[in-house]
Amino acid sequence: MDEIVITLLRTLIVFLVLLALFRFMGKKELGEISLLDIIVSLMIAELAVISIEDLSVSMVRALSPILLLIFLRVTLEMIGMKSQGFRKLVEGTPVLIIDNGKLIETNLRKHKYTLEDILFQLRQAQIADIREVEYAVLERSGTISFFRKGDSKFTLPLILDGIIQENNLKIVKKTKDWLVSELKKRGYDQIETIFYCSYMNEQFYIQKKETNIS
């Protein structure tokens, strides 16, 4: 009976600790699962089970590895916020897999996607034929975003946090020199001062960085 009570108490403690920690990590964790999120979540789940079932291990000792994982996750997230290169290394980048109705076989093979996978996701998106697709982008989360031909709402960021997204420029069939030239015409001489820039229907949307943020 005592063991049951102790197990229930440990379960409650672990639940409350994990609830607080995941809340601390932010709502982004609920909406976008990256490779790093999956690894941390799996390890935390395993450690949580051990901390509940193994009564010979103290709660402090059992929760210490979980706290370390959360610390590492938050630290890496902060580094990723500062360094786009580090974020791409850890989480990857979106990849073009269909261009003007044509599958890009090299990218499909590189990311272990089969034709059956593509056709399944096409059906889920209620798209009858690949030829209806202007672009398809494999997102970091593993899902595919489809953009139909003639879709005027298709846009990709060309600049994120002061860094030109050269892969996205290739997708929209533009060059870095073109982008720099067009921005200069609009009075933007310093790329690093631009927080976000996108291009759609021959129109730019540009947001500069806030000067009071360090």
Protein backbone atom coordinates (compact mmCIF):
# COMPACT_ATOMS: atom_id res chain seq x y z
CA MET A 1 0.00 0.00 0.00
CA ASP A 2 2.83 2.37 0.89
CA GLU A 3 4.50 1.72 -2.47
CA ILE A 4 1.29 2.53 -4.33
CA VAL A 5 0.92 5.83 -2.47
CA ILE A 6 4.56 6.70 -3.10
CA THR A 7 4.22 5.85 -6.81
CA LEU A 8 1.12 8.02 -7.10
CA LEU A 9 2.87 10.90 -5.38
CA ARG A 10 5.92 10.57 -7.63
CA THR A 11 3.62 10.48 -10.68
CA LEU A 12 1.95 13.68 -9.54
CA ILE A 13 5.29 15.39 -8.91
CA VAL A 14 6.70 14.37 -12.30
CA PHE A 15 3.51 15.49 -14.03
CA LEU A 16 3.60 18.93 -12.40
CA VAL A 17 7.31 19.37 -13.08
CA LEU A 18 6.96 18.42 -16.75
CA LEU A 19 3.91 20.64 -17.15
CA ALA A 20 5.83 23.61 -15.75
CA LEU A 21 8.93 22.87 -17.84
CA PHE A 22 7.08 22.49 -21.12
CA ARG A 23 5.15 25.67 -20.41
CA PHE A 24 8.50 27.34 -19.81
CA MET A 25 9.80 26.07 -23.14
CA GLY A 26 7.02 27.96 -24.93
CA LYS A 27 3.92 27.34 -27.04
CA LYS A 28 6.01 26.83 -30.14
CA GLU A 29 6.71 23.32 -28.92
CA LEU A 30 3.04 22.43 -29.38
CA GLY A 31 2.76 23.72 -32.92
CA GLU A 32 6.06 22.86 -34.57
CA ILE A 33 7.88 19.63 -33.79
CA SER A 34 11.49 19.59 -34.97
CA LEU A 35 14.03 16.77 -34.84
CA LEU A 36 15.50 18.28 -31.68
CA ASP A 37 12.04 18.43 -30.07
CA ILE A 38 11.42 14.76 -30.85
CA ILE A 39 14.74 13.64 -29.38
CA VAL A 40 14.27 15.66 -26.20
CA SER A 41 10.64 14.55 -25.81
CA LEU A 42 11.50 10.86 -26.20
CA MET A 43 14.34 11.06 -23.70
CA ILE A 44 12.20 12.97 -21.21
CA ALA A 45 9.41 10.42 -21.56
CA GLU A 46 11.80 7.55 -20.82
CA LEU A 47 13.36 9.34 -17.86
CA ALA A 48 9.92 10.26 -16.50
CA VAL A 49 8.88 6.60 -16.50
CA ILE A 50 12.05 5.61 -14.64
CA SER A 51 11.55 8.35 -12.07
CA ILE A 52 8.03 7.06 -11.36
CA GLU A 53 8.65 3.31 -11.36
CA ASP A 54 12.08 3.03 -9.74
CA LEU A 55 11.40 3.85 -6.09
CA SER A 56 15.04 3.25 -5.19
CA VAL A 57 16.02 6.41 -7.09
CA SER A 58 15.44 9.69 -5.30
CA MET A 59 13.25 12.30 -7.00
CA VAL A 60 16.13 14.77 -7.12
CA ARG A 61 18.36 12.27 -8.89
CA ALA A 62 15.53 11.17 -11.20
CA LEU A 63 14.56 14.70 -12.22
CA SER A 64 18.13 15.99 -12.69
CA PRO A 65 18.59 14.51 -16.21
CA ILE A 66 15.19 15.89 -17.23
CA LEU A 67 16.17 19.36 -16.03
CA LEU A 68 19.46 19.05 -17.94
CA LEU A 69 17.61 18.15 -21.16
CA ILE A 70 15.28 21.11 -20.76
CA PHE A 71 18.27 23.37 -20.11
CA LEU A 72 20.01 22.09 -23.25
CA ARG A 73 16.83 22.51 -25.32
CA VAL A 74 16.32 26.10 -24.16
CA THR A 75 20.02 26.92 -24.64
CA LEU A 76 20.05 25.54 -28.17
CA GLU A 77 16.84 27.42 -28.90
CA MET A 78 18.45 30.67 -27.75
CA ILE A 79 21.53 30.00 -29.88
CA GLY A 80 19.24 29.27 -32.83
CA MET A 81 17.46 32.59 -32.29
CA LYS A 82 20.82 34.34 -32.58
CA SER A 83 22.32 32.22 -35.37
CA GLN A 84 20.35 31.25 -38.46
CA GLY A 85 23.21 29.02 -39.58
CA PHE A 86 23.08 27.04 -36.35
CA ARG A 87 19.29 26.74 -36.63
CA LYS A 88 19.60 25.35 -40.15
CA LEU A 89 22.27 22.88 -38.99
CA VAL A 90 20.10 21.53 -36.16
CA GLU A 91 16.59 21.76 -37.64
CA GLY A 92 17.24 21.75 -41.39
CA THR A 93 15.68 24.00 -44.03
CA PRO A 94 12.63 23.80 -46.32
CA VAL A 95 13.39 21.98 -49.57
CA LEU A 96 11.78 22.37 -53.00
CA ILE A 97 10.53 18.98 -54.26
CA ILE A 98 8.16 20.02 -57.09
CA ASP A 99 8.94 22.83 -59.51
CA ASN A 100 6.35 23.81 -62.13
CA GLY A 101 4.68 20.42 -62.02
CA LYS A 102 7.94 18.47 -62.19
CA LEU A 103 9.33 16.34 -59.37
CA ILE A 104 12.89 17.09 -58.29
CA GLU A 105 14.23 13.55 -57.97
CA THR A 106 17.51 14.55 -56.34
CA ASN A 107 15.77 16.23 -53.41
CA LEU A 108 13.27 13.38 -53.07
CA ARG A 109 16.03 10.79 -52.79
CA LYS A 110 18.09 12.94 -50.44
CA HIS A 111 15.20 13.22 -47.99
CA LYS A 112 14.00 9.60 -48.40
CA TYR A 113 10.67 10.55 -49.98
CA THR A 114 9.05 8.07 -52.38
CA LEU A 115 6.51 8.67 -55.14
CA GLU A 116 3.92 6.92 -52.97
CA ASP A 117 4.59 9.46 -50.20
CA ILE A 118 4.09 12.37 -52.61
CA LEU A 119 0.93 10.93 -54.15
CA PHE A 120 -0.54 10.26 -50.70
CA GLN A 121 0.03 13.86 -49.62
CA LEU A 122 -1.37 15.12 -52.94
CA ARG A 123 -4.57 13.20 -52.27
CA GLN A 124 -4.72 14.59 -48.74
CA ALA A 125 -4.39 18.10 -50.19
CA GLN A 126 -7.18 17.23 -52.67
CA ILE A 127 -4.91 17.75 -55.67
CA ALA A 128 -5.68 15.37 -58.54
CA ASP A 129 -2.44 15.61 -60.50
CA ILE A 130 1.15 16.77 -59.99
CA ARG A 131 0.76 19.01 -63.02
CA GLU A 132 -1.60 21.20 -61.00
CA VAL A 133 1.26 22.07 -58.64
CA GLU A 134 3.46 25.10 -59.26
CA TYR A 135 5.71 24.48 -56.27
CA ALA A 136 5.84 21.99 -53.41
CA VAL A 137 8.07 22.59 -50.41
CA LEU A 138 9.11 19.94 -47.90
CA GLU A 139 8.99 21.76 -44.58
CA ARG A 140 11.32 21.21 -41.63
CA SER A 141 8.56 19.32 -39.82
CA GLY A 142 8.33 16.76 -42.66
CA THR A 143 5.01 18.01 -44.04
CA ILE A 144 4.65 19.24 -47.63
CA SER A 145 3.21 22.61 -48.60
CA PHE A 146 1.63 22.60 -52.07
CA PHE A 147 1.05 25.71 -54.17
CA ARG A 148 -1.24 25.33 -57.15
CA LYS A 149 -0.55 26.93 -60.50
CA GLY A 150 -2.06 30.39 -60.71
CA ASP A 151 -2.14 30.70 -56.93
CA SER A 152 -1.50 34.41 -56.40
CA LYS A 153 -1.01 33.87 -52.67
CA PHE A 154 2.27 31.99 -53.08
CA THR A 155 5.14 33.75 -51.37
CA LEU A 156 8.46 32.89 -49.78
CA PRO A 157 10.64 35.00 -47.49
CA LEU A 158 13.65 36.40 -49.31
CA ILE A 159 15.24 37.91 -46.20
CA LEU A 160 14.97 36.67 -42.63
CA ASP A 161 16.58 38.58 -39.79
CA GLY A 162 19.04 40.35 -42.08
CA ILE A 163 20.08 37.23 -44.01
CA ILE A 164 19.23 36.62 -47.67
CA GLN A 165 17.49 33.27 -48.22
CA GLU A 166 19.31 32.14 -51.35
CA ASN A 167 17.39 28.85 -51.63
CA ASN A 168 14.12 30.76 -51.75
CA LEU A 169 15.52 33.09 -54.39
CA LYS A 170 16.24 30.07 -56.57
CA ILE A 171 12.67 28.85 -56.09
CA VAL A 172 11.18 32.15 -57.31
CA LYS A 173 13.83 32.26 -60.06
CA LYS A 174 15.51 35.45 -58.87
CA THR A 175 19.12 36.27 -58.06
CA LYS A 176 20.85 37.88 -55.12
CA ASP A 177 22.00 40.77 -57.32
CA TRP A 178 18.40 41.36 -58.44
CA LEU A 179 17.19 41.47 -54.85
CA VAL A 180 19.91 43.87 -53.71
CA SER A 181 19.22 46.13 -56.70
CA GLU A 182 15.46 46.18 -56.11
CA LEU A 183 15.89 46.95 -52.43
CA LYS A 184 18.27 49.82 -53.17
CA LYS A 185 15.66 51.33 -55.49
CA ARG A 186 13.31 51.37 -52.50
CA GLY A 187 15.83 52.97 -50.18
CA TYR A 188 17.09 49.85 -48.40
CA ASP A 189 20.87 49.89 -48.72
CA GLN A 190 21.71 47.64 -45.76
CA ILE A 191 20.36 44.10 -45.92
CA GLU A 192 21.27 43.45 -42.29
CA THR A 193 18.75 46.08 -41.12
CA ILE A 194 15.82 44.19 -42.71
CA PHE A 195 13.95 41.85 -40.37
CA TYR A 196 11.61 40.34 -42.96
CA CYS A 197 11.22 40.68 -46.72
CA SER A 198 8.92 38.77 -49.05
CA TYR A 199 7.92 39.13 -52.71
CA MET A 200 4.55 38.36 -54.25
CA ASN A 201 2.80 39.55 -57.42
CA GLU A 202 5.79 41.80 -58.18
CA GLN A 203 5.29 43.54 -54.85
CA PHE A 204 7.66 43.62 -51.87
CA TYR A 205 6.70 43.45 -48.24
CA ILE A 206 9.54 44.77 -46.09
CA GLN A 207 9.81 45.14 -42.31
CA LYS A 208 12.91 46.68 -40.77
CA LYS A 209 14.40 45.58 -37.48
CA GLU A 210 13.40 47.48 -34.38
CA THR A 211 16.32 49.62 -33.32
CA ASN A 212 15.62 49.28 -29.59
CA ILE A 213 16.12 45.49 -29.59
CA SER A 214 19.63 44.44 -28.69
